């Protein structure tokens, strides 16, 4: 057994960390939606789609896969609701 950081498996986040990740993801997605609503009239929706990527990446990095999957689904729903025509 060595101290090589590549050989250690990451610890699973606790339920409290999972909830914190979901809350942070919701806040970041809300901020991305507001920024997108401000940007869309000038630059269109194709550039707005990229605003929803950082919340998912931050959630994945700090809170794990499950929180990131929920964040990705929520970001897709937010983009679909606010930036696509019915």
Protein backbone atom coordinates (compact mmCIF):
# COMPACT_ATOMS: atom_id res chain seq x y z
CA UNK A 1 0.00 0.00 0.00
CA UNK A 2 1.44 3.34 -1.04
CA UNK A 3 0.51 6.94 -0.49
CA UNK A 4 -0.03 7.53 -4.19
CA UNK A 5 -3.13 9.77 -4.54
CA UNK A 6 -4.10 8.02 -7.77
CA UNK A 7 -4.53 4.70 -5.99
CA UNK A 8 -6.90 5.99 -3.31
CA UNK A 9 -10.59 5.85 -4.05
CA UNK A 10 -12.56 8.98 -3.22
CA UNK A 11 -14.81 8.81 -0.20
CA UNK A 12 -18.52 8.90 -0.89
CA UNK A 13 -20.11 12.17 0.18
CA UNK A 14 -22.26 12.04 3.28
CA UNK A 15 -26.00 12.69 2.99
CA UNK A 16 -25.49 16.20 4.38
CA UNK A 17 -22.88 16.91 1.69
CA UNK A 18 -25.26 15.54 -0.94
CA UNK A 19 -27.97 17.96 0.18
CA UNK A 20 -25.47 20.83 0.28
CA UNK A 21 -24.43 19.95 -3.26
CA UNK A 22 -28.03 20.01 -4.44
CA UNK A 23 -28.64 23.39 -2.82
CA UNK A 24 -25.48 24.86 -4.32
CA UNK A 25 -26.36 23.41 -7.73
CA UNK A 26 -29.84 24.95 -7.55
CA UNK A 27 -28.39 28.36 -6.67
CA UNK A 28 -25.81 28.18 -9.44
CA UNK A 29 -28.39 27.09 -12.01
CA UNK A 30 -30.67 29.93 -10.90
CA UNK A 31 -27.78 32.37 -11.36
CA UNK A 32 -27.07 30.91 -14.82
CA UNK A 33 -30.74 31.28 -15.78
CA UNK A 34 -30.83 34.92 -14.66
CA UNK A 35 -27.59 35.67 -16.52
CA UNK A 36 -29.00 33.89 -19.56
CA UNK A 37 -32.20 35.92 -19.47
CA UNK A 38 -30.07 39.05 -19.48
CA UNK A 39 -27.82 37.76 -22.29
CA UNK A 40 -30.35 36.10 -24.61
CA UNK A 41 -31.86 39.21 -26.21
CA UNK A 42 -28.46 40.38 -27.40
CA UNK A 43 -26.54 37.15 -28.17
CA UNK A 44 -29.20 34.49 -28.66
CA UNK A 45 -29.74 31.20 -26.90
CA UNK A 46 -26.81 29.25 -28.32
CA UNK A 47 -24.33 31.15 -26.16
CA UNK A 48 -26.65 30.93 -23.17
CA UNK A 49 -26.45 27.14 -23.21
CA UNK A 50 -22.81 27.32 -22.11
CA UNK A 51 -23.80 29.15 -18.93
CA UNK A 52 -25.34 25.96 -17.59
CA UNK A 53 -22.14 23.94 -17.84
CA UNK A 54 -20.14 25.46 -14.92
CA UNK A 55 -22.81 24.71 -12.29
CA UNK A 56 -22.71 21.04 -13.28
CA UNK A 57 -18.91 20.93 -13.30
CA UNK A 58 -18.61 22.63 -9.90
CA UNK A 59 -21.19 20.28 -8.43
CA UNK A 60 -19.41 17.25 -9.86
CA UNK A 61 -16.02 18.36 -8.60
CA UNK A 62 -17.00 19.12 -5.03
CA UNK A 63 -20.07 16.96 -4.35
CA UNK A 64 -19.82 13.85 -6.51
CA UNK A 65 -21.58 12.09 -9.33
CA UNK A 66 -25.10 11.83 -7.91
CA UNK A 67 -25.35 15.54 -7.20
CA UNK A 68 -23.87 16.32 -10.62
CA UNK A 69 -26.42 14.13 -12.40
CA UNK A 70 -29.25 15.90 -10.61
CA UNK A 71 -27.65 19.26 -11.46
CA UNK A 72 -27.32 18.29 -15.13
CA UNK A 73 -30.96 17.26 -15.30
CA UNK A 74 -32.06 20.47 -13.54
CA UNK A 75 -29.90 22.59 -15.86
CA UNK A 76 -31.40 20.90 -18.91
CA UNK A 77 -34.92 21.52 -17.60
CA UNK A 78 -34.14 25.17 -16.81
CA UNK A 79 -32.67 25.76 -20.25
CA UNK A 80 -35.63 24.07 -21.89
CA UNK A 81 -38.16 26.07 -19.85
CA UNK A 82 -36.60 29.51 -20.20
CA UNK A 83 -34.88 29.45 -23.59
CA UNK A 84 -36.80 27.24 -26.03
CA UNK A 85 -40.00 28.16 -27.77
CA UNK A 86 -43.05 26.00 -27.15
